[in-house]
Protein backbone atom coordinates (compact mmCIF):
# COMPACT_ATOMS: atom_id res chain seq x y z
CA MET A 1 39.99 42.43 38.44
CA LYS A 2 38.05 44.54 35.95
CA SER A 3 40.74 43.88 33.33
CA THR A 4 40.33 40.14 33.82
CA GLU A 5 36.53 40.35 33.49
CA PHE A 6 36.93 42.51 30.38
CA HIS A 7 39.21 39.96 28.72
CA GLU A 8 36.84 37.14 29.65
CA ASN A 9 33.84 38.98 28.17
CA GLU A 10 35.85 39.79 25.05
CA GLN A 11 36.74 36.11 24.65
CA ILE A 12 33.07 35.07 25.05
CA ILE A 13 31.97 37.60 22.40
CA LYS A 14 34.73 36.37 20.09
CA ASN A 15 33.62 32.77 20.55
CA LEU A 16 29.99 33.71 19.87
CA ARG A 17 31.00 35.50 16.68
CA GLU A 18 32.98 32.46 15.54
CA GLU A 19 30.03 30.18 16.26
CA GLY A 20 27.58 32.50 14.50
CA ASN A 21 29.79 32.97 11.43
CA PRO A 22 30.93 29.63 10.06
CA GLY A 23 33.77 29.52 7.63
CA PRO A 24 33.52 29.08 3.86
CA THR A 25 33.97 25.33 4.13
CA ASP A 26 31.04 24.95 6.52
CA LEU A 27 28.83 27.15 4.35
CA SER A 28 29.65 25.19 1.20
CA ALA A 29 28.93 21.92 3.01
CA ASP A 30 25.59 23.24 4.24
CA ASN A 31 24.66 24.48 0.78
CA GLU A 32 25.63 21.15 -0.75
CA ALA A 33 23.50 19.29 1.80
CA GLN A 34 20.53 21.59 1.13
CA GLN A 35 20.88 21.18 -2.62
CA LYS A 36 21.15 17.42 -2.23
CA GLU A 37 18.01 17.31 -0.08
CA LEU A 38 16.16 19.60 -2.51
CA SER A 39 17.18 17.42 -5.46
CA ASP A 40 15.97 14.29 -3.69
CA ASP A 41 12.70 15.95 -2.76
CA ARG A 42 12.00 16.97 -6.34
CA LEU A 43 12.78 13.56 -7.79
CA ASP A 44 10.76 11.65 -5.23
CA TYR A 45 7.81 14.02 -5.44
CA LEU A 46 7.83 13.82 -9.25
CA PHE A 47 7.95 10.03 -9.01
CA PHE A 48 4.91 9.87 -6.72
CA LEU A 49 3.00 12.33 -8.86
CA LEU A 50 3.67 10.48 -12.14
CA LEU A 51 3.02 7.12 -10.49
CA PHE A 52 -0.43 8.00 -9.20
CA VAL A 53 -1.36 9.81 -12.40
CA SER A 54 -0.42 6.68 -14.36
CA ILE A 55 -2.37 4.27 -12.14
CA PRO A 56 -5.83 5.09 -13.60
CA PHE A 57 -4.43 4.28 -17.06
CA ILE A 58 -3.43 0.71 -16.13
CA PRO A 59 -6.43 -0.90 -17.92
CA PHE A 60 -6.03 1.30 -21.02
CA PHE A 61 -2.32 0.85 -21.70
CA GLN A 62 -0.86 -2.64 -21.48
CA ILE A 63 1.84 -4.18 -23.65
CA SER A 64 2.50 -7.88 -23.22
CA VAL A 65 6.22 -8.70 -23.35
CA ALA A 66 7.08 -12.37 -22.74
CA GLY A 67 3.95 -12.77 -20.65
CA PHE A 68 4.71 -9.66 -18.61
CA GLU A 69 2.23 -6.77 -18.76
CA VAL A 70 4.10 -3.49 -19.25
CA THR A 71 1.99 -0.52 -18.13
CA LEU A 72 2.64 3.20 -17.75
CA SER A 73 3.24 2.59 -14.04
CA VAL A 74 5.98 0.06 -14.81
CA ILE A 75 7.69 2.53 -17.16
CA VAL A 76 7.53 5.26 -14.48
CA ILE A 77 9.00 2.87 -11.90
CA LEU A 78 11.85 1.81 -14.20
CA MET A 79 12.75 5.41 -15.05
CA TYR A 80 12.66 6.42 -11.40
CA MET A 81 14.92 3.52 -10.40
CA LEU A 82 17.38 4.50 -13.14
CA PHE A 83 17.61 8.18 -12.14
CA LYS A 84 17.61 7.31 -8.44
CA SER A 85 20.48 4.88 -8.93
CA ILE A 86 22.52 7.60 -10.65
CA GLU A 87 21.79 9.97 -7.79
CA LEU A 88 22.77 7.35 -5.21
CA LEU A 89 26.12 6.88 -6.94
CA LYS A 90 26.80 10.59 -6.32
CA TYR A 91 25.71 10.47 -2.69
CA HIS A 92 26.56 6.92 -1.69
CA ASP A 93 26.84 7.95 1.95
CA ARG A 94 23.03 8.22 2.04
CA THR A 95 22.53 4.62 0.97
CA ILE A 96 20.81 2.62 3.69
CA ILE A 97 20.51 -1.16 3.65
CA ARG A 98 17.67 -2.88 5.47
CA TYR A 99 19.39 -6.22 5.61
CA GLU A 100 16.65 -8.19 7.39
CA ILE A 101 13.76 -7.58 5.01
CA THR A 102 16.07 -7.62 1.97
CA PHE A 103 17.34 -11.05 3.00
CA MET A 104 13.76 -12.31 3.34
CA PHE A 105 12.85 -11.07 -0.14
CA LEU A 106 15.94 -12.69 -1.68
CA LEU A 107 15.32 -15.99 0.11
CA LEU A 108 11.72 -16.11 -1.10
CA LEU A 109 12.80 -15.25 -4.64
CA VAL A 110 15.50 -17.95 -4.67
CA TRP A 111 13.13 -20.54 -3.17
CA SER A 112 10.49 -19.76 -5.81
CA GLN A 113 13.12 -20.11 -8.56
CA ILE A 114 14.19 -23.49 -7.23
CA SER A 115 10.56 -24.64 -7.24
CA ILE A 116 10.55 -24.36 -11.05
CA PHE A 117 12.40 -27.68 -11.15
CA TRP A 118 9.47 -29.60 -9.66
CA ALA A 119 6.68 -27.53 -11.25
CA GLU A 120 4.64 -29.31 -13.93
CA ASP A 121 4.59 -26.22 -16.15
CA PRO A 122 8.13 -24.75 -16.06
CA HIS A 123 7.30 -22.13 -18.71
CA LEU A 124 4.43 -20.70 -16.64
CA ALA A 125 6.51 -20.92 -13.47
CA PHE A 126 9.38 -19.02 -15.13
CA ARG A 127 7.01 -16.22 -16.22
CA ILE A 128 5.63 -15.92 -12.69
CA VAL A 129 9.13 -15.80 -11.18
CA LEU A 130 10.13 -13.16 -13.74
CA LYS A 131 7.15 -11.02 -12.79
CA CYS A 132 7.76 -11.49 -9.05
CA SER A 133 11.43 -10.62 -9.53
CA PHE A 134 10.49 -7.19 -10.85
CA PHE A 135 8.02 -6.59 -8.02
CA PHE A 136 10.50 -7.74 -5.38
CA ILE A 137 13.41 -5.72 -6.77
CA PHE A 138 11.25 -2.60 -6.99
CA THR A 139 10.04 -3.04 -3.40
CA VAL A 140 13.50 -3.76 -2.00
CA PHE A 141 14.87 -0.76 -3.90
CA LEU A 142 12.35 1.62 -2.38
CA VAL A 143 12.61 0.18 1.11
CA ASN A 144 16.41 0.30 1.09
CA PHE A 145 17.42 3.28 -0.99
CA PHE A 146 14.54 5.73 -0.94
CA SER A 147 15.93 9.10 0.18
CA LEU A 148 12.63 9.44 1.93
CA SER A 149 11.66 12.97 1.56
CA ILE A 150 8.40 11.08 2.05
CA GLN A 151 8.18 12.57 5.53
CA SER A 152 7.68 15.99 3.99
CA MET A 153 5.39 14.33 1.44
CA LEU A 154 3.00 13.15 4.13
CA LYS A 155 1.43 16.59 3.96
CA ARG A 156 1.05 16.13 0.20
CA LEU A 157 -0.44 12.66 0.50
CA PHE A 158 -3.92 14.13 0.14
CA THR A 159 -3.30 14.13 -3.63
CA LEU A 160 -3.72 10.34 -3.69
CA PRO A 161 -7.48 10.30 -2.97
CA PHE A 162 -8.18 13.00 -5.54
CA LEU A 163 -6.19 11.20 -8.24
CA MET A 164 -8.01 7.96 -7.48
CA VAL A 165 -11.32 9.73 -8.09
CA ILE A 166 -10.47 9.78 -11.83
CA PRO A 167 -11.09 6.06 -12.54
CA VAL A 168 -14.11 6.14 -10.23
CA LEU A 169 -15.69 8.96 -12.24
CA ILE A 170 -15.00 6.99 -15.41
CA GLY A 171 -17.05 4.17 -13.93
CA PHE A 172 -19.86 6.44 -12.73
CA ALA A 173 -20.16 7.90 -16.23
CA GLU A 174 -21.49 4.50 -17.34
CA TYR A 175 -23.64 3.94 -14.27
CA ARG A 176 -27.38 4.18 -15.04
CA SER A 177 -29.50 2.35 -12.50
CA GLY A 178 -29.35 -0.34 -9.85
CA THR A 179 -30.58 -3.04 -12.24
CA HIS A 180 -27.73 -2.30 -14.65
CA ALA A 181 -25.08 -1.59 -12.02
CA PHE A 182 -23.57 -5.05 -12.18
CA TYR A 183 -22.66 -4.65 -15.86
CA SER A 184 -22.48 -0.88 -16.38
CA PHE A 185 -19.72 0.10 -13.95
CA VAL A 186 -16.97 0.05 -16.56
CA TYR A 187 -13.25 0.47 -15.96
CA GLY A 188 -11.66 0.33 -19.39
CA ASP A 189 -12.43 -3.13 -20.73
CA HIS A 190 -13.25 -4.42 -17.23
CA VAL A 191 -16.61 -4.53 -15.48
CA PHE A 192 -16.64 -3.32 -11.88
CA GLY A 193 -19.09 -5.99 -10.77
CA ASP A 194 -17.37 -8.40 -8.35
CA LYS A 195 -13.92 -6.97 -9.11
CA ASN A 196 -11.69 -7.44 -6.08
CA THR A 197 -8.74 -5.72 -7.77
CA VAL A 198 -10.67 -2.52 -8.49
CA GLY A 199 -12.17 -2.57 -4.99
CA PHE A 200 -8.65 -2.81 -3.56
CA MET A 201 -7.48 0.18 -5.63
CA CYS A 202 -10.40 2.30 -4.45
CA ALA A 203 -9.94 1.23 -0.82
CA THR A 204 -6.27 2.29 -0.73
CA ALA A 205 -7.31 5.95 -0.93
CA LEU A 206 -9.63 5.67 2.07
CA PRO A 207 -6.97 5.85 4.86
CA ALA A 208 -5.66 9.22 3.66
CA LEU A 209 -9.18 10.53 3.10
CA VAL A 210 -10.40 9.55 6.56
CA VAL A 211 -7.39 11.07 8.34
CA LEU A 212 -7.55 14.29 6.33
CA ILE A 213 -11.28 14.62 6.99
CA ALA A 214 -10.59 14.31 10.71
CA SER A 215 -7.48 16.49 10.86
CA ARG A 216 -7.44 19.37 8.39
CA LYS A 217 -9.17 22.72 7.89
CA LEU A 218 -12.84 22.98 7.01
CA ILE A 219 -12.36 23.56 3.27
CA LEU A 220 -10.13 20.48 2.98
CA LYS A 221 -12.60 18.48 5.06
CA LEU A 222 -15.30 19.30 2.50
CA ILE A 223 -13.04 18.46 -0.44
CA CYS A 224 -11.96 15.15 1.09
CA PHE A 225 -15.53 14.26 1.97
CA THR A 226 -16.53 15.02 -1.63
CA ALA A 227 -13.84 12.58 -2.77
CA PHE A 228 -14.85 10.07 -0.09
CA VAL A 229 -18.41 9.71 -1.44
CA PRO A 230 -17.55 8.42 -4.96
CA LEU A 231 -14.69 6.29 -3.63
CA GLY A 232 -16.91 4.74 -0.96
CA LEU A 233 -19.69 4.08 -3.47
CA ALA A 234 -17.20 2.69 -5.99
CA THR A 235 -15.86 0.28 -3.38
CA TYR A 236 -19.41 -0.81 -2.61
CA LEU A 237 -20.46 -1.16 -6.25
CA THR A 238 -17.56 -3.48 -7.07
CA TYR A 239 -19.68 -6.08 -5.24
CA SER A 240 -16.45 -7.32 -3.71
CA ARG A 241 -17.31 -8.47 -0.21
CA GLY A 242 -13.66 -8.44 0.76
CA ALA A 243 -13.08 -4.87 -0.47
CA VAL A 244 -16.14 -3.57 1.38
CA MET A 245 -15.17 -5.28 4.65
CA GLU A 246 -11.58 -4.03 4.28
CA GLY A 247 -12.86 -0.51 3.57
CA ILE A 248 -15.01 -0.49 6.70
CA LEU A 249 -12.14 -1.89 8.77
CA ILE A 250 -9.56 0.69 7.71
CA ILE A 251 -12.05 3.58 7.98
CA MET A 252 -12.72 2.65 11.60
CA LEU A 253 -9.06 1.91 12.36
CA CYS A 254 -7.60 5.10 10.82
CA SER A 255 -10.22 7.42 12.30
CA PHE A 256 -9.87 5.87 15.76
CA SER A 257 -6.05 5.95 15.60
CA TYR A 258 -5.86 9.60 14.61
CA LEU A 259 -8.59 10.88 16.92
CA PHE A 260 -7.27 8.99 19.94
CA LEU A 261 -3.60 9.94 19.41
CA SER A 262 -4.36 13.60 18.73
CA ARG A 263 -7.24 14.26 21.15
CA GLY A 264 -7.12 11.54 23.80
CA ILE A 265 -10.43 10.78 25.53
CA LYS A 266 -12.20 13.49 23.52
CA GLY A 267 -11.04 11.70 20.39
CA ILE A 268 -12.95 8.56 21.42
CA LEU A 269 -16.14 10.63 21.74
CA HIS A 270 -15.47 12.22 18.35
CA PHE A 271 -14.91 8.74 16.92
CA ALA A 272 -18.33 7.64 18.21
CA VAL A 273 -19.98 10.70 16.62
CA LEU A 274 -18.16 10.04 13.33
CA THR A 275 -19.33 6.41 13.35
CA VAL A 276 -22.96 7.44 13.82
CA LEU A 277 -22.60 10.09 11.08
CA ILE A 278 -21.21 7.58 8.56
CA PHE A 279 -23.98 5.14 9.44
CA CYS A 280 -26.66 7.82 8.88
CA ILE A 281 -25.12 8.81 5.55
CA GLY A 282 -25.18 5.16 4.49
CA LEU A 283 -28.87 4.87 5.35
CA ALA A 284 -29.63 8.05 3.41
CA LEU A 285 -27.84 6.76 0.32
CA PHE A 286 -29.84 3.52 0.35
CA SER A 287 -33.12 5.42 0.19
CA SER A 288 -32.97 5.63 -3.61
CA GLU A 289 -34.59 2.93 -5.72
CA GLY A 290 -31.46 2.21 -7.74
CA LEU A 291 -29.29 1.52 -4.69
CA ASN A 292 -32.06 -0.56 -3.13
CA GLU A 293 -31.94 -2.78 -6.20
CA SER A 294 -28.17 -2.84 -5.86
CA LYS A 295 -28.64 -3.96 -2.26
CA GLN A 296 -30.73 -6.89 -3.51
CA MET A 297 -27.84 -7.87 -5.78
CA TRP A 298 -25.58 -7.80 -2.74
CA GLU A 299 -27.90 -10.19 -0.92
CA GLN A 300 -27.74 -12.52 -3.91
CA ARG A 301 -23.94 -12.35 -3.81
CA PHE A 302 -23.92 -13.54 -0.21
CA GLN A 303 -26.37 -16.33 -0.97
CA GLU A 304 -24.19 -17.69 -3.77
CA GLU A 305 -21.71 -20.41 -2.98
CA ASP A 306 -18.19 -19.10 -2.61
CA PRO A 307 -15.50 -21.25 -4.29
CA ARG A 308 -12.95 -20.20 -1.67
CA ALA A 309 -14.17 -22.90 0.70
CA THR A 310 -13.45 -25.43 -2.05
CA PHE A 311 -9.94 -24.05 -2.54
CA PHE A 312 -9.18 -24.21 1.17
CA ALA A 313 -10.34 -27.82 1.35
CA ALA A 314 -8.32 -28.72 -1.75
CA GLY A 315 -5.36 -26.77 -0.39
CA TYR A 316 -5.32 -28.92 2.73
CA GLU A 317 -5.26 -32.01 0.52
CA ILE A 318 -2.36 -30.61 -1.54
CA VAL A 319 -0.34 -29.55 1.52
CA SER A 320 -0.75 -32.92 3.22
CA SER A 321 1.04 -34.50 0.25
CA ASN A 322 3.73 -31.81 -0.20
CA PRO A 323 4.20 -29.99 3.13
CA TRP A 324 7.81 -28.81 2.66
CA THR A 325 8.39 -28.22 -1.05
CA GLY A 326 4.86 -27.54 -2.24
CA VAL A 327 3.90 -28.28 -5.83
CA GLY A 328 5.99 -25.54 -7.46
CA ILE A 329 5.34 -21.87 -8.15
CA GLY A 330 2.24 -21.30 -10.31
CA ASN A 331 1.25 -24.95 -10.12
CA PHE A 332 -1.82 -24.68 -7.87
CA GLY A 333 -4.25 -25.12 -10.80
CA ASN A 334 -2.76 -28.42 -11.95
CA ALA A 335 -2.53 -29.74 -8.40
CA PHE A 336 -6.09 -28.58 -7.67
CA LEU A 337 -7.53 -30.57 -10.59
CA ARG A 338 -5.99 -33.76 -9.18
CA THR A 339 -7.66 -33.41 -5.78
CA ASN A 340 -10.81 -35.26 -4.76
CA ILE A 341 -12.40 -31.91 -3.87
CA ALA A 342 -12.05 -30.55 -7.41
CA VAL A 343 -13.66 -33.64 -8.95
CA SER A 344 -16.80 -33.23 -6.86
CA ALA A 345 -16.92 -29.41 -7.09
CA GLU A 346 -16.32 -29.14 -10.86
CA SER A 347 -14.92 -25.64 -10.35
CA LYS A 348 -13.49 -23.71 -13.30
CA LEU A 349 -11.45 -21.33 -11.14
CA TYR A 350 -7.96 -22.67 -10.70
CA TYR A 351 -6.22 -20.08 -8.53
CA PRO A 352 -6.47 -20.06 -4.73
CA HIS A 353 -7.92 -16.54 -4.12
CA ASN A 354 -5.56 -16.24 -1.15
CA SER A 355 -1.86 -15.39 -1.29
CA PHE A 356 -1.04 -17.18 1.96
CA LEU A 357 -2.73 -20.34 0.66
CA ALA A 358 -0.88 -19.96 -2.65
CA MET A 359 2.49 -19.74 -0.89
CA LEU A 360 1.71 -22.74 1.31
CA THR A 361 0.56 -25.01 -1.52
CA GLU A 362 3.11 -23.91 -4.14
CA LEU A 363 6.23 -23.25 -2.01
CA GLY A 364 5.48 -25.31 1.08
CA LEU A 365 5.90 -24.32 4.70
CA PRO A 366 9.27 -22.50 4.19
CA GLY A 367 7.72 -20.32 1.48
CA LEU A 368 4.72 -19.51 3.66
CA ILE A 369 6.91 -18.48 6.60
CA LEU A 370 9.10 -16.21 4.45
CA PHE A 371 6.09 -14.63 2.76
CA ALA A 372 4.21 -14.12 6.04
CA ILE A 373 7.22 -12.26 7.51
CA ILE A 374 7.37 -10.02 4.43
CA ALA A 375 3.60 -9.35 4.43
CA VAL A 376 3.47 -8.44 8.15
CA TRP A 377 6.72 -6.43 8.24
CA PRO A 378 5.16 -2.99 7.44
CA LEU A 379 2.57 -3.48 10.20
CA SER A 380 5.35 -4.42 12.64
CA LEU A 381 7.02 -1.05 11.95
CA PHE A 382 3.92 0.81 13.12
CA ILE A 383 3.41 -1.43 16.15
CA ARG A 384 7.00 -0.78 17.25
CA SER A 385 6.62 2.99 16.81
CA ILE A 386 3.42 3.47 18.86
CA GLY A 387 5.33 4.70 21.94
CA ARG A 388 7.39 7.16 19.91
CA VAL A 389 4.29 8.54 18.19
CA VAL A 390 2.49 9.04 21.51
CA ARG A 391 5.50 10.85 22.99
CA SER A 392 6.06 13.09 19.97
CA GLY A 393 2.59 14.64 19.81
CA ASP A 394 3.52 15.98 16.36
CA SER A 395 0.51 16.29 14.04
CA ALA A 396 2.43 15.20 10.92
CA VAL A 397 3.72 12.10 12.69
CA ILE A 398 0.25 11.22 13.96
CA GLU A 399 -1.25 11.72 10.49
CA GLY A 400 1.45 9.61 8.85
CA PHE A 401 1.11 6.91 11.49
CA SER A 402 -2.68 6.68 11.05
CA ILE A 403 -2.50 6.60 7.25
CA GLY A 404 0.34 4.07 7.18
CA LEU A 405 -1.33 1.88 9.79
CA GLY A 406 -4.45 1.68 7.63
CA LEU A 407 -2.43 0.83 4.53
CA SER A 408 -0.39 -1.84 6.33
CA VAL A 409 -3.56 -3.55 7.57
CA LEU A 410 -5.10 -3.27 4.10
CA ILE A 411 -2.20 -5.04 2.37
CA ILE A 412 -2.55 -7.96 4.80
CA THR A 413 -6.32 -8.32 4.63
CA SER A 414 -6.46 -7.84 0.84
CA ILE A 415 -4.40 -10.96 0.11
CA LEU A 416 -6.81 -12.99 2.22
CA THR A 417 -9.44 -12.16 -0.41
CA ILE A 418 -7.60 -12.74 -3.67
CA ASP A 419 -4.06 -13.36 -4.90
CA PHE A 420 -2.98 -9.72 -5.20
CA ILE A 421 0.77 -10.33 -5.06
CA TYR A 422 0.95 -10.69 -8.85
CA PHE A 423 -0.41 -7.15 -9.32
CA PRO A 424 2.11 -4.27 -9.39
CA TYR A 425 -0.27 -2.00 -7.51
CA TYR A 426 -0.04 -4.22 -4.43
CA TRP A 427 3.72 -3.73 -4.19
CA ILE A 428 3.40 0.00 -4.79
CA ILE A 429 1.12 0.30 -1.76
CA TYR A 430 3.38 -2.09 0.19
CA SER A 431 6.38 0.17 -0.53
CA ILE A 432 4.49 3.33 0.46
CA SER A 433 3.33 1.91 3.79
CA SER A 434 6.84 0.54 4.47
CA CYS A 435 8.49 3.89 3.75
CA ILE A 436 6.05 5.74 6.02
CA GLY A 437 6.71 3.20 8.76
CA LEU A 438 10.48 3.56 8.39
CA VAL A 439 10.31 7.35 8.61
CA ILE A 440 8.27 7.23 11.79
CA ASN A 441 10.00 4.24 13.37
CA ASP A 442 13.63 5.20 12.76
CA GLU A 443 14.09 8.89 12.00
CA SER A 444 17.81 8.72 12.70
CA THR A 445 18.41 6.69 9.52
CA LEU A 446 16.46 8.99 7.26
CA THR A 447 17.22 12.52 6.17
CA CYS A 448 13.66 13.83 5.98
CA ARG A 449 12.40 16.54 8.24
CA ILE A 450 9.01 16.47 9.93
């Protein structure tokens, strides 16, 4: 009996030793996997770092090639795609295809190319399709093939707000007083006054700032709050009503999402305190004479007639004549001038200020449906992952969810204000929010660790 027990114990110990000491093949496979993950992490992290460092230089470095503006960001993206493609050829087993969203992008691209045939200005339409092709290919590439060490990069995402402070400080260097604010907030050769694009760039840093202020240690809270002040003021001083409303929306949404998911009922109370605090800070800032004068400029902006109402009315007239095919990509201006609305309005702005309206009038109802699915897709990833986030209780997941949720809402609301889809920065933020959503929504398809 004792001999049998002895042999059984000896066999158990032997099995444990075999399990605890894998063979050379297993060790080499583990080392290869670790090296592969480390390589991916370095490349992706370097890409994000170079990308965000290059963003503030967009206005200062632009080379026009066949009507396409080549910036430092475009060069960084092209180099990353080249090196990433080489890496994917080595580790093809990690390649993941998101067939649904890829198919939507390709359909929209093909449909826009076909619309060149009925566009009045084929040369302009071809240039627009060429530009959109680059944006679409870049976005599809990141969504499909990103190795997504981005999950580990969520903790490093706080670098985004600090890098975005650079162009803001450039603008504040030229800021003198409220009376000159409209013309003195300079961003390269651009004026910040009523600049929706600059307001959008500043607002994209707000989700990460808000979440980090609510979630991290005291020293980082102070640093993020220090970054939040110039970014918030910069968003305000763009005099872009859309950017300010989007900024307020995502600040409230991100702070509520993080506080509620991480602290439950207490988080709602903390959210109420945070709201009152932000409101008090806003009142304190408006006590100065310069910002009071700036406030008067804001009131004038709201009293001015907005041409968007004219574009919507003209858009309805265009769509009623061409509901299925539209008037061709990039052809809104020509079609707008032929409408009865344009004759009475005498407007000199010939683009729709709304990407959904642009898709409807230029590509018809099929184009609008395809584009709407693409625009809402990142938000759908976060909606589908709410249950998983609540069950996980992991702080990194909650942080990533709150930041990505704010970005996904921002990319939808921003294109209601102006036609951002022809700006590379829009698709960069679209790709980031999509990648965060994919990591959280479907961890089994990604190799990142939380």
